[in-house]
Amino acid sequence: MLICSYECTWCRDCAENVLRGVCPNCGGELARRPEPSASRLVNDPPSTKRVFNPDCRAARAT
């Protein structure tokens, strides 16, 4: 996953091949999402529900 400074999140495929490393929402650079510290994960675990848009590439390519 890649994110911009406003935390818009994109799959690597779209970020690199469709968006060319630039967020279409804010114009910011897309970078690798940082890993949270282990102590933070204990108190604030990641969601177990994944949100996925199967038309992601198609929607961005038009």
N, C-alpha and C. Protein backbone atom coordinates (compact mmCIF):
# COMPACT_ATOMS: atom_id res chain seq x y z
N MET A 1 0.83 -1.17 0.00
CA MET A 1 0.00 0.00 0.00
C MET A 1 0.88 1.25 0.00
N LEU A 2 0.41 2.24 -0.70
CA LEU A 2 1.10 3.53 -0.73
C LEU A 2 0.13 4.61 -0.29
N ILE A 3 0.65 5.63 0.40
CA ILE A 3 -0.19 6.70 0.92
C ILE A 3 0.42 8.06 0.57
N CYS A 4 -0.43 9.09 0.63
CA CYS A 4 0.06 10.46 0.48
C CYS A 4 0.09 11.10 1.86
N SER A 5 0.47 12.35 1.96
CA SER A 5 0.55 13.00 3.26
C SER A 5 -0.82 13.20 3.91
N TYR A 6 -1.89 13.11 3.13
CA TYR A 6 -3.24 13.20 3.68
C TYR A 6 -3.83 11.82 3.96
N GLU A 7 -2.99 10.78 3.80
CA GLU A 7 -3.34 9.39 4.06
C GLU A 7 -4.36 8.79 3.10
N CYS A 8 -4.44 9.33 1.89
CA CYS A 8 -5.18 8.64 0.84
C CYS A 8 -4.37 7.37 0.56
N THR A 9 -5.03 6.23 0.50
CA THR A 9 -4.33 4.96 0.37
C THR A 9 -4.64 4.31 -0.97
N TRP A 10 -3.59 3.78 -1.61
CA TRP A 10 -3.72 3.17 -2.94
C TRP A 10 -2.95 1.87 -2.98
N CYS A 11 -3.42 0.92 -3.75
CA CYS A 11 -2.65 -0.32 -3.95
C CYS A 11 -1.40 0.03 -4.76
N ARG A 12 -0.36 -0.76 -4.57
CA ARG A 12 0.91 -0.49 -5.24
C ARG A 12 0.76 -0.47 -6.76
N ASP A 13 -0.02 -1.39 -7.30
CA ASP A 13 -0.20 -1.48 -8.75
C ASP A 13 -0.77 -0.17 -9.31
N CYS A 14 -1.85 0.32 -8.70
CA CYS A 14 -2.45 1.57 -9.18
C CYS A 14 -1.52 2.76 -8.93
N ALA A 15 -0.93 2.81 -7.75
CA ALA A 15 -0.06 3.94 -7.40
C ALA A 15 1.10 4.07 -8.38
N GLU A 16 1.69 2.95 -8.75
CA GLU A 16 2.86 3.01 -9.63
C GLU A 16 2.50 3.06 -11.11
N ASN A 17 1.54 2.24 -11.54
CA ASN A 17 1.29 2.09 -12.97
C ASN A 17 0.19 2.99 -13.52
N VAL A 18 -0.75 3.39 -12.70
CA VAL A 18 -1.84 4.24 -13.18
C VAL A 18 -1.63 5.69 -12.72
N LEU A 19 -1.34 5.86 -11.44
CA LEU A 19 -1.21 7.21 -10.88
C LEU A 19 0.20 7.78 -11.00
N ARG A 20 1.16 6.92 -11.35
CA ARG A 20 2.56 7.33 -11.54
C ARG A 20 3.14 8.04 -10.32
N GLY A 21 2.75 7.57 -9.10
CA GLY A 21 3.34 8.09 -7.87
C GLY A 21 2.78 9.40 -7.37
N VAL A 22 1.68 9.89 -7.97
CA VAL A 22 1.09 11.16 -7.56
C VAL A 22 -0.37 10.95 -7.16
N CYS A 23 -0.75 11.43 -5.98
CA CYS A 23 -2.12 11.28 -5.51
C CYS A 23 -3.06 12.16 -6.34
N PRO A 24 -4.11 11.59 -6.92
CA PRO A 24 -5.03 12.39 -7.73
C PRO A 24 -5.92 13.29 -6.87
N ASN A 25 -5.99 13.03 -5.57
CA ASN A 25 -6.83 13.85 -4.69
C ASN A 25 -6.14 15.14 -4.26
N CYS A 26 -4.84 15.05 -3.94
CA CYS A 26 -4.16 16.24 -3.40
C CYS A 26 -2.91 16.62 -4.18
N GLY A 27 -2.47 15.77 -5.11
CA GLY A 27 -1.27 16.06 -5.89
C GLY A 27 0.02 15.71 -5.17
N GLY A 28 -0.11 15.10 -3.98
CA GLY A 28 1.08 14.74 -3.20
C GLY A 28 1.75 13.46 -3.68
N GLU A 29 2.98 13.27 -3.24
CA GLU A 29 3.74 12.08 -3.57
C GLU A 29 3.19 10.87 -2.83
N LEU A 30 3.13 9.74 -3.50
CA LEU A 30 2.70 8.50 -2.86
C LEU A 30 3.94 7.76 -2.37
N ALA A 31 3.89 7.35 -1.10
CA ALA A 31 5.03 6.68 -0.48
C ALA A 31 4.56 5.43 0.25
N ARG A 32 5.51 4.55 0.60
CA ARG A 32 5.19 3.33 1.33
C ARG A 32 4.61 3.68 2.68
N ARG A 33 3.55 2.98 3.05
CA ARG A 33 2.91 3.22 4.36
C ARG A 33 3.88 2.79 5.46
N PRO A 34 4.15 3.66 6.44
CA PRO A 34 5.06 3.28 7.52
C PRO A 34 4.45 2.22 8.43
N GLU A 35 5.29 1.38 9.00
CA GLU A 35 4.84 0.34 9.93
C GLU A 35 4.73 0.94 11.33
N PRO A 36 3.60 0.72 12.02
CA PRO A 36 3.49 1.23 13.39
C PRO A 36 4.37 0.42 14.34
N SER A 37 4.73 1.03 15.46
CA SER A 37 5.55 0.33 16.45
C SER A 37 4.75 -0.80 17.09
N ALA A 38 5.46 -1.79 17.60
CA ALA A 38 4.81 -2.95 18.22
C ALA A 38 3.94 -2.53 19.41
N SER A 39 4.40 -1.56 20.19
CA SER A 39 3.61 -1.12 21.35
C SER A 39 2.31 -0.46 20.92
N ARG A 40 2.33 0.23 19.81
CA ARG A 40 1.11 0.86 19.31
C ARG A 40 0.11 -0.19 18.82
N LEU A 41 0.62 -1.24 18.20
CA LEU A 41 -0.25 -2.30 17.70
C LEU A 41 -0.99 -3.02 18.82
N VAL A 42 -0.38 -3.10 20.00
CA VAL A 42 -1.03 -3.76 21.14
C VAL A 42 -2.28 -2.98 21.54
N ASN A 43 -2.17 -1.67 21.60
CA ASN A 43 -3.29 -0.82 22.04
C ASN A 43 -4.25 -0.45 20.91
N ASP A 44 -3.77 -0.48 19.70
CA ASP A 44 -4.58 -0.06 18.56
C ASP A 44 -4.34 -1.03 17.40
N PRO A 45 -4.90 -2.24 17.47
CA PRO A 45 -4.63 -3.24 16.43
C PRO A 45 -5.24 -2.85 15.09
N PRO A 46 -4.65 -3.34 14.01
CA PRO A 46 -5.20 -3.04 12.69
C PRO A 46 -6.56 -3.69 12.49
N SER A 47 -7.33 -3.13 11.61
CA SER A 47 -8.64 -3.67 11.30
C SER A 47 -8.50 -5.04 10.65
N THR A 48 -9.45 -5.90 10.90
CA THR A 48 -9.45 -7.21 10.25
C THR A 48 -10.34 -7.19 9.00
N LYS A 49 -11.02 -6.08 8.78
CA LYS A 49 -11.89 -5.95 7.62
C LYS A 49 -11.16 -5.20 6.51
N ARG A 50 -10.99 -5.84 5.37
CA ARG A 50 -10.32 -5.22 4.23
C ARG A 50 -11.37 -4.63 3.30
N VAL A 51 -11.15 -3.41 2.87
CA VAL A 51 -12.04 -2.75 1.91
C VAL A 51 -11.32 -2.77 0.57
N PHE A 52 -11.97 -3.36 -0.42
CA PHE A 52 -11.33 -3.51 -1.73
C PHE A 52 -12.30 -3.14 -2.83
N ASN A 53 -11.83 -2.35 -3.76
CA ASN A 53 -12.62 -1.97 -4.93
C ASN A 53 -12.07 -2.73 -6.13
N PRO A 54 -12.78 -3.76 -6.61
CA PRO A 54 -12.26 -4.56 -7.72
C PRO A 54 -12.11 -3.77 -9.02
N ASP A 55 -12.75 -2.64 -9.12
CA ASP A 55 -12.66 -1.81 -10.32
C ASP A 55 -11.63 -0.70 -10.18
N CYS A 56 -10.78 -0.79 -9.20
CA CYS A 56 -9.81 0.26 -8.90
C CYS A 56 -9.04 0.71 -10.14
N ARG A 57 -8.37 -0.18 -10.81
CA ARG A 57 -7.57 0.21 -11.99
C ARG A 57 -8.45 0.78 -13.10
N ALA A 58 -9.59 0.16 -13.34
CA ALA A 58 -10.48 0.60 -14.42
C ALA A 58 -10.98 2.02 -14.14
N ALA A 59 -11.33 2.30 -12.91
CA ALA A 59 -11.85 3.63 -12.56
C ALA A 59 -10.80 4.70 -12.72
N ARG A 60 -9.54 4.41 -12.41
CA ARG A 60 -8.48 5.39 -12.48
C ARG A 60 -7.91 5.56 -13.89
N ALA A 61 -8.08 4.55 -14.73
CA ALA A 61 -7.49 4.60 -16.07
C ALA A 61 -8.30 5.44 -17.05
N THR A 62 -9.55 5.75 -16.71
CA THR A 62 -10.37 6.52 -17.64
C THR A 62 -10.12 7.99 -17.54
